[in-house]
PDB file of N, CA and C in Angstrom:
ATOM      1  N   UNK A   1      -5.135 -23.251   2.179  1.00  0.00           N
ATOM      2  CA  UNK A   1      -3.733 -23.757   1.713  1.00  0.00           C
ATOM      3  C   UNK A   1      -2.585 -22.780   1.819  1.00  0.00           C
ATOM      4  N   UNK A   2      -1.489 -23.002   2.713  1.00  0.00           N
ATOM      5  CA  UNK A   2      -0.705 -21.764   2.945  1.00  0.00           C
ATOM      6  C   UNK A   2       0.052 -21.114   1.765  1.00  0.00           C
ATOM      7  N   UNK A   3       0.367 -20.136   1.826  1.00  0.00           N
ATOM      8  CA  UNK A   3       1.070 -19.324   0.757  1.00  0.00           C
ATOM      9  C   UNK A   3       0.248 -19.087  -0.505  1.00  0.00           C
ATOM     10  N   UNK A   4      -0.970 -19.312  -0.358  1.00  0.00           N
ATOM     11  CA  UNK A   4      -1.846 -19.094  -1.542  1.00  0.00           C
ATOM     12  C   UNK A   4      -2.910 -18.008  -1.442  1.00  0.00           C
ATOM     13  N   UNK A   5      -2.698 -16.787  -2.137  1.00  0.00           N
ATOM     14  CA  UNK A   5      -3.488 -15.649  -1.951  1.00  0.00           C
ATOM     15  C   UNK A   5      -4.833 -15.776  -2.129  1.00  0.00           C
ATOM     16  N   UNK A   6      -5.821 -15.128  -1.367  1.00  0.00           N
ATOM     17  CA  UNK A   6      -7.048 -15.009  -1.355  1.00  0.00           C
ATOM     18  C   UNK A   6      -7.684 -14.502  -2.830  1.00  0.00           C
ATOM     19  N   UNK A   7      -6.976 -13.672  -3.306  1.00  0.00           N
ATOM     20  CA  UNK A   7      -7.014 -12.986  -4.555  1.00  0.00           C
ATOM     21  C   UNK A   7      -5.950 -12.687  -5.108  1.00  0.00           C
ATOM     22  N   UNK A   8      -5.750 -12.616  -6.608  1.00  0.00           N
ATOM     23  CA  UNK A   8      -4.484 -12.299  -7.302  1.00  0.00           C
ATOM     24  C   UNK A   8      -5.048 -11.893  -8.814  1.00  0.00           C
ATOM     25  N   UNK A   9      -4.310 -10.917  -9.224  1.00  0.00           N
ATOM     26  CA  UNK A   9      -4.558 -10.342 -10.553  1.00  0.00           C
ATOM     27  C   UNK A   9      -3.351  -9.678 -11.116  1.00  0.00           C
ATOM     28  N   UNK A  10      -3.273  -9.885 -12.351  1.00  0.00           N
ATOM     29  CA  UNK A  10      -2.119  -9.315 -13.061  1.00  0.00           C
ATOM     30  C   UNK A  10      -2.544  -8.534 -14.503  1.00  0.00           C
ATOM     31  N   UNK A  11      -1.832  -7.276 -14.695  1.00  0.00           N
ATOM     32  CA  UNK A  11      -2.246  -6.783 -15.724  1.00  0.00           C
ATOM     33  C   UNK A  11      -0.817  -6.178 -16.515  1.00  0.00           C
ATOM     34  N   UNK A  12      -0.876  -6.252 -17.907  1.00  0.00           N
ATOM     35  CA  UNK A  12       0.150  -5.613 -18.721  1.00  0.00           C
ATOM     36  C   UNK A  12      -0.361  -4.739 -19.847  1.00  0.00           C
ATOM     37  N   UNK A  13       0.026  -3.612 -19.936  1.00  0.00           N
ATOM     38  CA  UNK A  13      -0.465  -2.633 -20.826  1.00  0.00           C
ATOM     39  C   UNK A  13       0.805  -2.211 -21.635  1.00  0.00           C
ATOM     40  N   UNK A  14       0.646  -2.395 -23.066  1.00  0.00           N
ATOM     41  CA  UNK A  14       1.889  -1.819 -23.718  1.00  0.00           C
ATOM     42  C   UNK A  14       0.901  -0.574 -24.861  1.00  0.00           C
ATOM     43  N   UNK A  15       1.582   0.757 -24.622  1.00  0.00           N
ATOM     44  CA  UNK A  15       1.098   1.676 -25.570  1.00  0.00           C
ATOM     45  C   UNK A  15       2.118   2.272 -26.391  1.00  0.00           C
ATOM     46  N   UNK A  16       1.697   2.551 -27.749  1.00  0.00           N
ATOM     47  CA  UNK A  16       2.700   2.928 -28.663  1.00  0.00           C
ATOM     48  C   UNK A  16       2.064   4.138 -29.126  1.00  0.00           C
ATOM     49  N   UNK A  17       2.338   5.288 -28.389  1.00  0.00           N
ATOM     50  CA  UNK A  17       1.856   6.705 -28.925  1.00  0.00           C
ATOM     51  C   UNK A  17       2.350   7.218 -30.208  1.00  0.00           C
ATOM     52  N   UNK A  18       3.543   7.038 -30.533  1.00  0.00           N
ATOM     53  CA  UNK A  18       4.214   7.223 -31.808  1.00  0.00           C
ATOM     54  C   UNK A  18       5.030   6.078 -32.132  1.00  0.00           C
ATOM     55  N   UNK A  19       5.278   6.046 -33.536  1.00  0.00           N
ATOM     56  CA  UNK A  19       6.138   4.858 -33.938  1.00  0.00           C
ATOM     57  C   UNK A  19       7.565   4.904 -33.213  1.00  0.00           C
ATOM     58  N   UNK A  20       8.040   3.622 -32.998  1.00  0.00           N
ATOM     59  CA  UNK A  20       9.370   3.340 -32.289  1.00  0.00           C
ATOM     60  C   UNK A  20       9.369   3.721 -30.958  1.00  0.00           C
ATOM     61  N   UNK A  21       8.450   4.292 -30.198  1.00  0.00           N
ATOM     62  CA  UNK A  21       8.342   4.538 -28.923  1.00  0.00           C
ATOM     63  C   UNK A  21       7.153   3.818 -28.185  1.00  0.00           C
ATOM     64  N   UNK A  22       7.733   3.085 -27.109  1.00  0.00           N
ATOM     65  CA  UNK A  22       6.621   2.148 -26.348  1.00  0.00           C
ATOM     66  C   UNK A  22       6.700   2.431 -24.863  1.00  0.00           C
ATOM     67  N   UNK A  23       5.319   2.483 -24.312  1.00  0.00           N
ATOM     68  CA  UNK A  23       5.301   2.679 -22.775  1.00  0.00           C
ATOM     69  C   UNK A  23       4.707   1.523 -22.265  1.00  0.00           C
ATOM     70  N   UNK A  24       5.227   0.792 -21.386  1.00  0.00           N
ATOM     71  CA  UNK A  24       4.806  -0.528 -20.801  1.00  0.00           C
ATOM     72  C   UNK A  24       4.421  -0.383 -19.491  1.00  0.00           C
ATOM     73  N   UNK A  25       3.484  -0.712 -19.004  1.00  0.00           N
ATOM     74  CA  UNK A  25       2.892  -0.634 -17.518  1.00  0.00           C
ATOM     75  C   UNK A  25       2.500  -2.062 -17.090  1.00  0.00           C
ATOM     76  N   UNK A  26       2.965  -2.604 -16.034  1.00  0.00           N
ATOM     77  CA  UNK A  26       2.550  -3.937 -15.644  1.00  0.00           C
ATOM     78  C   UNK A  26       2.191  -3.751 -14.059  1.00  0.00           C
ATOM     79  N   UNK A  27       1.316  -4.512 -13.706  1.00  0.00           N
ATOM     80  CA  UNK A  27       0.998  -4.473 -12.014  1.00  0.00           C
ATOM     81  C   UNK A  27       0.465  -5.883 -11.743  1.00  0.00           C
ATOM     82  N   UNK A  28       0.802  -5.924 -10.490  1.00  0.00           N
ATOM     83  CA  UNK A  28       0.368  -7.377  -9.859  1.00  0.00           C
ATOM     84  C   UNK A  28      -0.294  -7.022  -8.449  1.00  0.00           C
ATOM     85  N   UNK A  29      -1.407  -7.601  -8.267  1.00  0.00           N
ATOM     86  CA  UNK A  29      -2.172  -7.419  -7.062  1.00  0.00           C
ATOM     87  C   UNK A  29      -2.200  -8.807  -6.209  1.00  0.00           C
ATOM     88  N   UNK A  30      -1.792  -8.828  -5.325  1.00  0.00           N
ATOM     89  CA  UNK A  30      -1.675 -10.109  -4.415  1.00  0.00           C
ATOM     90  C   UNK A  30      -2.313  -9.915  -3.234  1.00  0.00           C
ATOM     91  N   UNK A  31      -3.482 -10.485  -2.941  1.00  0.00           N
ATOM     92  CA  UNK A  31      -4.226 -10.318  -1.835  1.00  0.00           C
ATOM     93  C   UNK A  31      -3.616 -11.112  -0.493  1.00  0.00           C
ATOM     94  N   UNK A  32      -4.213 -11.035   0.379  1.00  0.00           N
ATOM     95  CA  UNK A  32      -3.638 -11.443   1.743  1.00  0.00           C
ATOM     96  C   UNK A  32      -3.898 -13.072   1.819  1.00  0.00           C
ATOM     97  N   UNK A  33      -3.008 -13.763   2.532  1.00  0.00           N
ATOM     98  CA  UNK A  33      -2.850 -15.099   2.409  1.00  0.00           C
ATOM     99  C   UNK A  33      -2.366 -15.589   4.110  1.00  0.00           C
ATOM    100  N   UNK A  34      -2.622 -16.964   4.334  1.00  0.00           N
ATOM    101  CA  UNK A  34      -1.966 -17.448   5.425  1.00  0.00           C
ATOM    102  C   UNK A  34      -0.661 -17.881   5.168  1.00  0.00           C
ATOM    103  N   UNK A  35       0.341 -17.569   6.085  1.00  0.00           N
ATOM    104  CA  UNK A  35       1.623 -18.029   5.894  1.00  0.00           C
ATOM    105  C   UNK A  35       2.079 -18.540   7.344  1.00  0.00           C
ATOM    106  N   UNK A  36       2.585 -19.867   7.070  1.00  0.00           N
ATOM    107  CA  UNK A  36       3.250 -20.349   8.662  1.00  0.00           C
ATOM    108  C   UNK A  36       4.461 -19.654   8.911  1.00  0.00           C
ATOM    109  N   UNK A  37       4.661 -19.457  10.248  1.00  0.00           N
ATOM    110  CA  UNK A  37       5.728 -18.739  10.723  1.00  0.00           C
ATOM    111  C   UNK A  37       6.284 -19.595  11.890  1.00  0.00           C
ATOM    112  N   UNK A  38       7.464 -20.201  11.660  1.00  0.00           N
ATOM    113  CA  UNK A  38       7.997 -21.322  12.588  1.00  0.00           C
ATOM    114  C   UNK A  38       8.864 -20.690  13.550  1.00  0.00           C
ATOM    115  N   UNK A  39       8.756 -21.176  14.831  1.00  0.00           N
ATOM    116  CA  UNK A  39       9.409 -20.863  16.100  1.00  0.00           C
ATOM    117  C   UNK A  39      10.914 -20.673  15.637  1.00  0.00           C
ATOM    118  N   UNK A  40      11.576 -20.001  16.417  1.00  0.00           N
ATOM    119  CA  UNK A  40      13.042 -19.760  16.415  1.00  0.00           C
ATOM    120  C   UNK A  40      13.245 -18.273  16.591  1.00  0.00           C
ATOM    121  N   UNK A  41      13.063 -17.463  15.504  1.00  0.00           N
ATOM    122  CA  UNK A  41      12.762 -16.033  15.902  1.00  0.00           C
ATOM    123  C   UNK A  41      11.770 -15.670  16.750  1.00  0.00           C
ATOM    124  N   UNK A  42      10.618 -16.224  16.597  1.00  0.00           N
ATOM    125  CA  UNK A  42       9.315 -16.140  17.517  1.00  0.00           C
ATOM    126  C   UNK A  42       9.301 -17.127  18.484  1.00  0.00           C
ATOM    127  N   UNK A  43       8.734 -16.986  19.514  1.00  0.00           N
ATOM    128  CA  UNK A  43       8.646 -18.116  20.553  1.00  0.00           C
ATOM    129  C   UNK A  43       8.233 -19.305  20.201  1.00  0.00           C
ATOM    130  N   UNK A  44       6.962 -19.225  19.506  1.00  0.00           N
ATOM    131  CA  UNK A  44       6.216 -20.577  18.964  1.00  0.00           C
ATOM    132  C   UNK A  44       5.686 -20.387  17.649  1.00  0.00           C
ATOM    133  N   UNK A  45       5.288 -21.591  17.072  1.00  0.00           N
ATOM    134  CA  UNK A  45       4.759 -21.508  15.656  1.00  0.00           C
ATOM    135  C   UNK A  45       3.469 -20.922  15.609  1.00  0.00           C
ATOM    136  N   UNK A  46       3.225 -20.289  14.581  1.00  0.00           N
ATOM    137  CA  UNK A  46       1.864 -19.418  14.507  1.00  0.00           C
ATOM    138  C   UNK A  46       1.482 -19.426  12.797  1.00  0.00           C
ATOM    139  N   UNK A  47       0.194 -19.154  12.644  1.00  0.00           N
ATOM    140  CA  UNK A  47      -0.023 -19.001  11.329  1.00  0.00           C
ATOM    141  C   UNK A  47      -0.429 -17.550  11.013  1.00  0.00           C
ATOM    142  N   UNK A  48       0.265 -16.757  10.230  1.00  0.00           N
ATOM    143  CA  UNK A  48       0.049 -15.415  10.112  1.00  0.00           C
ATOM    144  C   UNK A  48      -0.717 -15.045   8.891  1.00  0.00           C
ATOM    145  N   UNK A  49      -1.564 -13.863   8.973  1.00  0.00           N
ATOM    146  CA  UNK A  49      -2.318 -13.514   7.722  1.00  0.00           C
ATOM    147  C   UNK A  49      -1.498 -12.205   7.300  1.00  0.00           C
ATOM    148  N   UNK A  50      -1.101 -12.425   5.930  1.00  0.00           N
ATOM    149  CA  UNK A  50      -0.517 -11.302   5.569  1.00  0.00           C
ATOM    150  C   UNK A  50      -1.282 -10.113   4.862  1.00  0.00           C
ATOM    151  N   UNK A  51      -0.726  -8.912   4.929  1.00  0.00           N
ATOM    152  CA  UNK A  51      -1.248  -7.784   4.064  1.00  0.00           C
ATOM    153  C   UNK A  51      -1.521  -8.027   2.754  1.00  0.00           C
ATOM    154  N   UNK A  52      -2.379  -7.402   1.909  1.00  0.00           N
ATOM    155  CA  UNK A  52      -2.315  -7.306   0.487  1.00  0.00           C
ATOM    156  C   UNK A  52      -1.245  -6.444   0.026  1.00  0.00           C
ATOM    157  N   UNK A  53      -0.727  -6.761  -1.311  1.00  0.00           N
ATOM    158  CA  UNK A  53       0.405  -5.903  -1.950  1.00  0.00           C
ATOM    159  C   UNK A  53      -0.025  -5.570  -3.368  1.00  0.00           C
ATOM    160  N   UNK A  54       0.588  -4.324  -3.853  1.00  0.00           N
ATOM    161  CA  UNK A  54       0.538  -4.092  -5.100  1.00  0.00           C
ATOM    162  C   UNK A  54       1.933  -3.782  -5.623  1.00  0.00           C
ATOM    163  N   UNK A  55       2.220  -4.366  -6.922  1.00  0.00           N
ATOM    164  CA  UNK A  55       3.508  -4.604  -7.499  1.00  0.00           C
ATOM    165  C   UNK A  55       3.283  -3.766  -8.653  1.00  0.00           C
ATOM    166  N   UNK A  56       3.813  -2.523  -8.792  1.00  0.00           N
ATOM    167  CA  UNK A  56       3.478  -1.908 -10.144  1.00  0.00           C
ATOM    168  C   UNK A  56       4.864  -1.491 -10.645  1.00  0.00           C
ATOM    169  N   UNK A  57       4.801  -1.529 -12.010  1.00  0.00           N
ATOM    170  CA  UNK A  57       6.126  -1.046 -12.818  1.00  0.00           C
ATOM    171  C   UNK A  57       5.886  -0.545 -14.064  1.00  0.00           C
ATOM    172  N   UNK A  58       6.944   0.260 -14.410  1.00  0.00           N
ATOM    173  CA  UNK A  58       6.783   0.728 -15.958  1.00  0.00           C
ATOM    174  C   UNK A  58       7.999   0.922 -16.655  1.00  0.00           C
ATOM    175  N   UNK A  59       8.022   0.994 -18.076  1.00  0.00           N
ATOM    176  CA  UNK A  59       9.114   0.907 -18.737  1.00  0.00           C
ATOM    177  C   UNK A  59       8.893   1.717 -20.101  1.00  0.00           C
ATOM    178  N   UNK A  60       9.956   2.633 -20.524  1.00  0.00           N
ATOM    179  CA  UNK A  60       9.939   3.390 -21.705  1.00  0.00           C
ATOM    180  C   UNK A  60      10.866   2.729 -22.460  1.00  0.00           C
ATOM    181  N   UNK A  61      10.675   2.738 -23.798  1.00  0.00           N
ATOM    182  CA  UNK A  61      11.466   1.989 -24.777  1.00  0.00           C
ATOM    183  C   UNK A  61      11.536   2.766 -26.089  1.00  0.00           C
ATOM    184  N   UNK A  62      12.532   3.037 -26.614  1.00  0.00           N
ATOM    185  CA  UNK A  62      12.514   3.680 -27.947  1.00  0.00           C
ATOM    186  C   UNK A  62      13.469   2.756 -28.784  1.00  0.00           C
ATOM    187  N   UNK A  63      13.287   2.637 -30.288  1.00  0.00           N
ATOM    188  CA  UNK A  63      13.751   1.920 -31.138  1.00  0.00           C
ATOM    189  C   UNK A  63      14.530   2.629 -32.006  1.00  0.00           C
ATOM    190  N   UNK A  64      15.821   2.656 -32.463  1.00  0.00           N
ATOM    191  CA  UNK A  64      16.613   3.327 -33.354  1.00  0.00           C
ATOM    192  C   UNK A  64      16.788   2.224 -34.310  1.00  0.00           C
ATOM    193  N   UNK A  65      16.573   2.498 -35.720  1.00  0.00           N
ATOM    194  CA  UNK A  65      16.847   1.507 -36.781  1.00  0.00           C
ATOM    195  C   UNK A  65      18.262   1.850 -37.294  1.00  0.00           C
ATOM    196  N   UNK A  66      18.922   0.875 -37.431  1.00  0.00           N
ATOM    197  CA  UNK A  66      20.278   0.785 -37.790  1.00  0.00           C
ATOM    198  C   UNK A  66      20.427   0.324 -39.156  1.00  0.00           C
ATOM    199  N   UNK A  67      21.584   0.181 -39.616  1.00  0.00           N
ATOM    200  CA  UNK A  67      21.963  -0.335 -40.853  1.00  0.00           C
ATOM    201  C   UNK A  67      20.934  -1.579 -41.288  1.00  0.00           C
ATOM    202  N   UNK A  68      20.245  -1.327 -42.632  1.00  0.00           N
ATOM    203  CA  UNK A  68      19.450  -2.273 -42.961  1.00  0.00           C
ATOM    204  C   UNK A  68      18.417  -2.832 -42.000  1.00  0.00           C
ATOM    205  N   UNK A  69      18.629  -4.192 -41.306  1.00  0.00           N
ATOM    206  CA  UNK A  69      17.816  -5.044 -40.614  1.00  0.00           C
ATOM    207  C   UNK A  69      18.011  -4.869 -39.136  1.00  0.00           C
ATOM    208  N   UNK A  70      19.075  -4.172 -38.709  1.00  0.00           N
ATOM    209  CA  UNK A  70      19.401  -3.956 -37.189  1.00  0.00           C
ATOM    210  C   UNK A  70      18.414  -2.890 -36.678  1.00  0.00           C
ATOM    211  N   UNK A  71      18.159  -3.253 -35.325  1.00  0.00           N
ATOM    212  CA  UNK A  71      17.427  -2.223 -34.546  1.00  0.00           C
ATOM    213  C   UNK A  71      18.065  -2.261 -33.228  1.00  0.00           C
ATOM    214  N   UNK A  72      18.193  -1.153 -32.561  1.00  0.00           N
ATOM    215  CA  UNK A  72      18.715  -0.957 -31.344  1.00  0.00           C
ATOM    216  C   UNK A  72      17.821  -0.310 -30.268  1.00  0.00           C
ATOM    217  N   UNK A  73      17.263  -1.053 -29.430  1.00  0.00           N
ATOM    218  CA  UNK A  73      16.287  -0.631 -28.517  1.00  0.00           C
ATOM    219  C   UNK A  73      16.903   0.020 -27.191  1.00  0.00           C
ATOM    220  N   UNK A  74      16.438   1.066 -26.948  1.00  0.00           N
ATOM    221  CA  UNK A  74      17.064   1.815 -25.599  1.00  0.00           C
ATOM    222  C   UNK A  74      15.683   1.869 -24.521  1.00  0.00           C
ATOM    223  N   UNK A  75      15.990   1.381 -23.309  1.00  0.00           N
ATOM    224  CA  UNK A  75      14.862   1.347 -22.427  1.00  0.00           C
ATOM    225  C   UNK A  75      15.478   1.775 -21.324  1.00  0.00           C
ATOM    226  N   UNK A  76      14.465   2.288 -20.320  1.00  0.00           N
ATOM    227  CA  UNK A  76      14.544   2.589 -18.965  1.00  0.00           C
ATOM    228  C   UNK A  76      13.293   2.327 -18.401  1.00  0.00           C
ATOM    229  N   UNK A  77      13.420   2.321 -16.862  1.00  0.00           N
ATOM    230  CA  UNK A  77      12.030   2.043 -16.244  1.00  0.00           C
ATOM    231  C   UNK A  77      12.321   2.078 -14.589  1.00  0.00           C
ATOM    232  N   UNK A  78      11.192   1.451 -14.026  1.00  0.00           N
ATOM    233  CA  UNK A  78      11.211   1.192 -12.716  1.00  0.00           C
ATOM    234  C   UNK A  78      10.268   0.101 -12.208  1.00  0.00           C
ATOM    235  N   UNK A  79      10.882  -0.783 -11.410  1.00  0.00           N
ATOM    236  CA  UNK A  79      10.108  -2.100 -11.017  1.00  0.00           C
ATOM    237  C   UNK A  79       9.827  -1.559  -9.449  1.00  0.00           C
ATOM    238  N   UNK A  80       8.684  -2.079  -9.152  1.00  0.00           N
ATOM    239  CA  UNK A  80       7.984  -2.073  -7.749  1.00  0.00           C
ATOM    240  C   UNK A  80       8.024  -0.432  -7.450  1.00  0.00           C
ATOM    241  N   UNK A  81       7.387   0.222  -8.141  1.00  0.00           N
ATOM    242  CA  UNK A  81       7.218   1.987  -8.119  1.00  0.00           C
ATOM    243  C   UNK A  81       6.466   2.243  -6.684  1.00  0.00           C
ATOM    244  N   UNK A  82       5.807   1.498  -5.883  1.00  0.00           N
ATOM    245  CA  UNK A  82       5.165   1.550  -4.793  1.00  0.00           C
ATOM    246  C   UNK A  82       6.105   1.231  -3.613  1.00  0.00           C
ATOM    247  N   UNK A  83       7.212   0.553  -3.905  1.00  0.00           N
ATOM    248  CA  UNK A  83       8.084   0.232  -2.909  1.00  0.00           C
ATOM    249  C   UNK A  83       7.435  -0.809  -1.707  1.00  0.00           C
ATOM    250  N   UNK A  84       6.593  -1.569  -2.035  1.00  0.00           N
ATOM    251  CA  UNK A  84       5.911  -2.399  -1.112  1.00  0.00           C
ATOM    252  C   UNK A  84       6.845  -3.627  -0.805  1.00  0.00           C
ATOM    253  N   UNK A  85       6.859  -4.005   0.185  1.00  0.00           N
ATOM    254  CA  UNK A  85       7.657  -5.250   0.879  1.00  0.00           C
ATOM    255  C   UNK A  85       7.336  -5.629   2.206  1.00  0.00           C
ATOM    256  N   UNK A  86       7.721  -6.837   2.412  1.00  0.00           N
ATOM    257  CA  UNK A  86       7.440  -7.606   3.703  1.00  0.00           C
ATOM    258  C   UNK A  86       8.140  -6.825   5.008  1.00  0.00           C
ATOM    259  N   UNK A  87       7.301  -6.153   5.869  1.00  0.00           N
ATOM    260  CA  UNK A  87       7.876  -5.477   7.036  1.00  0.00           C
ATOM    261  C   UNK A  87       8.387  -6.333   7.945  1.00  0.00           C
ATOM    262  N   UNK A  88       7.806  -7.470   8.136  1.00  0.00           N
ATOM    263  CA  UNK A  88       8.142  -8.346   9.344  1.00  0.00           C
ATOM    264  C   UNK A  88       9.108  -9.591   9.009  1.00  0.00           C
ATOM    265  N   UNK A  89      10.118  -9.365   8.369  1.00  0.00           N
ATOM    266  CA  UNK A  89      11.143 -10.455   8.158  1.00  0.00           C
ATOM    267  C   UNK A  89      11.903 -10.767   9.458  1.00  0.00           C
ATOM    268  N   UNK A  90      12.106 -11.968   9.569  1.00  0.00           N
ATOM    269  CA  UNK A  90      12.972 -12.580  10.597  1.00  0.00           C
ATOM    270  C   UNK A  90      14.337 -12.254  10.556  1.00  0.00           C
ATOM    271  N   UNK A  91      15.059 -12.101  11.643  1.00  0.00           N
ATOM    272  CA  UNK A  91      16.571 -11.578  11.406  1.00  0.00           C
ATOM    273  C   UNK A  91      17.448 -12.671  12.317  1.00  0.00           C
ATOM    274  N   UNK A  92      18.755 -12.695  11.901  1.00  0.00           N
ATOM    275  CA  UNK A  92      19.446 -13.493  12.776  1.00  0.00           C
ATOM    276  C   UNK A  92      19.627 -15.011  12.475  1.00  0.00           C
ATOM    277  N   UNK A  93      20.421 -15.753  13.192  1.00  0.00           N
ATOM    278  CA  UNK A  93      20.581 -17.077  13.141  1.00  0.00           C
ATOM    279  C   UNK A  93      19.274 -18.159  13.302  1.00  0.00           C
ATOM    280  N   UNK A  94      18.448 -17.591  13.890  1.00  0.00           N
ATOM    281  CA  UNK A  94      17.103 -18.376  14.144  1.00  0.00           C
ATOM    282  C   UNK A  94      15.949 -17.999  13.436  1.00  0.00           C
ATOM    283  N   UNK A  95      16.103 -17.173  12.251  1.00  0.00           N
ATOM    284  CA  UNK A  95      15.268 -16.809  11.458  1.00  0.00           C
ATOM    285  C   UNK A  95      14.410 -18.014  10.698  1.00  0.00           C
ATOM    286  N   UNK A  96      13.177 -17.714  10.347  1.00  0.00           N
ATOM    287  CA  UNK A  96      12.362 -18.942   9.682  1.00  0.00           C
ATOM    288  C   UNK A  96      12.783 -18.543   8.009  1.00  0.00           C
ATOM    289  N   UNK A  97      13.487 -19.461   7.409  1.00  0.00           N
ATOM    290  CA  UNK A  97      13.817 -19.059   5.931  1.00  0.00           C
ATOM    291  C   UNK A  97      12.748 -19.166   5.120  1.00  0.00           C
ATOM    292  N   UNK A  98      11.690 -19.817   5.423  1.00  0.00           N
ATOM    293  CA  UNK A  98      10.477 -19.972   4.677  1.00  0.00           C
ATOM    294  C   UNK A  98       9.550 -18.864   4.947  1.00  0.00           C
ATOM    295  N   UNK A  99       9.618 -17.933   5.902  1.00  0.00           N
ATOM    296  CA  UNK A  99       8.594 -17.015   6.021  1.00  0.00           C
ATOM    297  C   UNK A  99       8.964 -15.868   5.182  1.00  0.00           C
ATOM    298  N   UNK A 100       8.449 -15.883   4.003  1.00  0.00           N
ATOM    299  CA  UNK A 100       8.656 -14.714   3.083  1.00  0.00           C
ATOM    300  C   UNK A 100       7.475 -14.580   2.195  1.00  0.00           C
ATOM    301  N   UNK A 101       6.976 -13.610   1.882  1.00  0.00           N
ATOM    302  CA  UNK A 101       5.833 -13.140   1.194  1.00  0.00           C
ATOM    303  C   UNK A 101       5.898 -11.780   0.616  1.00  0.00           C
ATOM    304  N   UNK A 102       5.115 -11.376  -0.489  1.00  0.00           N
ATOM    305  CA  UNK A 102       5.139 -10.059  -1.231  1.00  0.00           C
ATOM    306  C   UNK A 102       6.088  -9.904  -2.112  1.00  0.00           C
ATOM    307  N   UNK A 103       6.347  -8.883  -2.563  1.00  0.00           N
ATOM    308  CA  UNK A 103       7.213  -8.355  -3.686  1.00  0.00           C
ATOM    309  C   UNK A 103       8.676  -8.899  -3.257  1.00  0.00           C
ATOM    310  N   UNK A 104       9.570  -9.340  -4.301  1.00  0.00           N
ATOM    311  CA  UNK A 104      10.853 -10.000  -3.873  1.00  0.00           C
ATOM    312  C   UNK A 104      11.799  -8.894  -4.115  1.00  0.00           C
ATOM    313  N   UNK A 105      11.743  -7.796  -4.900  1.00  0.00           N
ATOM    314  CA  UNK A 105      12.620  -6.836  -4.912  1.00  0.00           C
ATOM    315  C   UNK A 105      12.120  -5.297  -4.554  1.00  0.00           C
ATOM    316  N   UNK A 106      13.067  -4.471  -3.920  1.00  0.00           N
ATOM    317  CA  UNK A 106      12.622  -3.259  -3.469  1.00  0.00           C
ATOM    318  C   UNK A 106      12.492  -2.403  -4.681  1.00  0.00           C
ATOM    319  N   UNK A 107      12.048  -1.045  -4.564  1.00  0.00           N
ATOM    320  CA  UNK A 107      12.026  -0.165  -5.913  1.00  0.00           C
ATOM    321  C   UNK A 107      13.299  -0.281  -6.554  1.00  0.00           C
ATOM    322  N   UNK A 108      13.386  -0.552  -7.877  1.00  0.00           N
ATOM    323  CA  UNK A 108      14.564  -0.562  -8.570  1.00  0.00           C
ATOM    324  C   UNK A 108      14.589   0.262  -9.864  1.00  0.00           C
ATOM    325  N   UNK A 109      15.518   0.981 -10.289  1.00  0.00           N
ATOM    326  CA  UNK A 109      15.594   1.718 -11.519  1.00  0.00           C
ATOM    327  C   UNK A 109      16.464   0.988 -12.349  1.00  0.00           C
ATOM    328  N   UNK A 110      16.169   0.852 -13.902  1.00  0.00           N
ATOM    329  CA  UNK A 110      16.930  -0.020 -14.452  1.00  0.00           C
ATOM    330  C   UNK A 110      17.118   0.890 -16.024  1.00  0.00           C
ATOM    331  N   UNK A 111      17.953   0.538 -16.695  1.00  0.00           N
ATOM    332  CA  UNK A 111      18.134   0.947 -18.082  1.00  0.00           C
ATOM    333  C   UNK A 111      18.933  -0.222 -19.020  1.00  0.00           C
ATOM    334  N   UNK A 112      18.578  -0.139 -20.228  1.00  0.00           N
ATOM    335  CA  UNK A 112      18.925  -1.070 -21.088  1.00  0.00           C
ATOM    336  C   UNK A 112      19.115  -0.973 -22.476  1.00  0.00           C
ATOM    337  N   UNK A 113      19.955  -1.659 -23.023  1.00  0.00           N
ATOM    338  CA  UNK A 113      20.102  -1.517 -24.653  1.00  0.00           C
ATOM    339  C   UNK A 113      20.142  -2.899 -25.185  1.00  0.00           C
ATOM    340  N   UNK A 114      19.383  -3.117 -26.269  1.00  0.00           N
ATOM    341  CA  UNK A 114      19.044  -4.272 -26.991  1.00  0.00           C
ATOM    342  C   UNK A 114      19.421  -4.188 -28.395  1.00  0.00           C
ATOM    343  N   UNK A 115      19.991  -5.065 -28.966  1.00  0.00           N
ATOM    344  CA  UNK A 115      20.242  -5.259 -30.501  1.00  0.00           C
ATOM    345  C   UNK A 115      19.652  -6.274 -31.139  1.00  0.00           C
ATOM    346  N   UNK A 116      18.726  -6.068 -32.028  1.00  0.00           N
ATOM    347  CA  UNK A 116      17.982  -7.224 -32.554  1.00  0.00           C
ATOM    348  C   UNK A 116      18.328  -6.981 -34.189  1.00  0.00           C
ATOM    349  N   UNK A 117      18.059  -8.216 -34.868  1.00  0.00           N
ATOM    350  CA  UNK A 117      18.152  -8.344 -36.286  1.00  0.00           C
ATOM    351  C   UNK A 117      16.669  -8.164 -36.717  1.00  0.00           C
TER     352      UNK A 117
END
């Protein structure tokens, strides 16, 4: 079945080494798969076997307790640490819009603030 990886795995680990501080690690392994690549950018239709991908990320978060029941969480992290992506994307007006596989975002740094009750 196209676009279905041979192997797939997901892991999420949350570690709280001290109170109010959390380290989160997440990972997704996607095995190779067969993906149809339609003609346009390439001369004729073909079935491509994709490489395997590892999508790894981590996040650090610290909770600051405010007045009575309020809590402010400050966090930062990186998505797609290994910066894995599809290297053979089609380009131009004749590209195959369905020929996409692998992680959807490049390496991304983020920071955030969340207020909870």
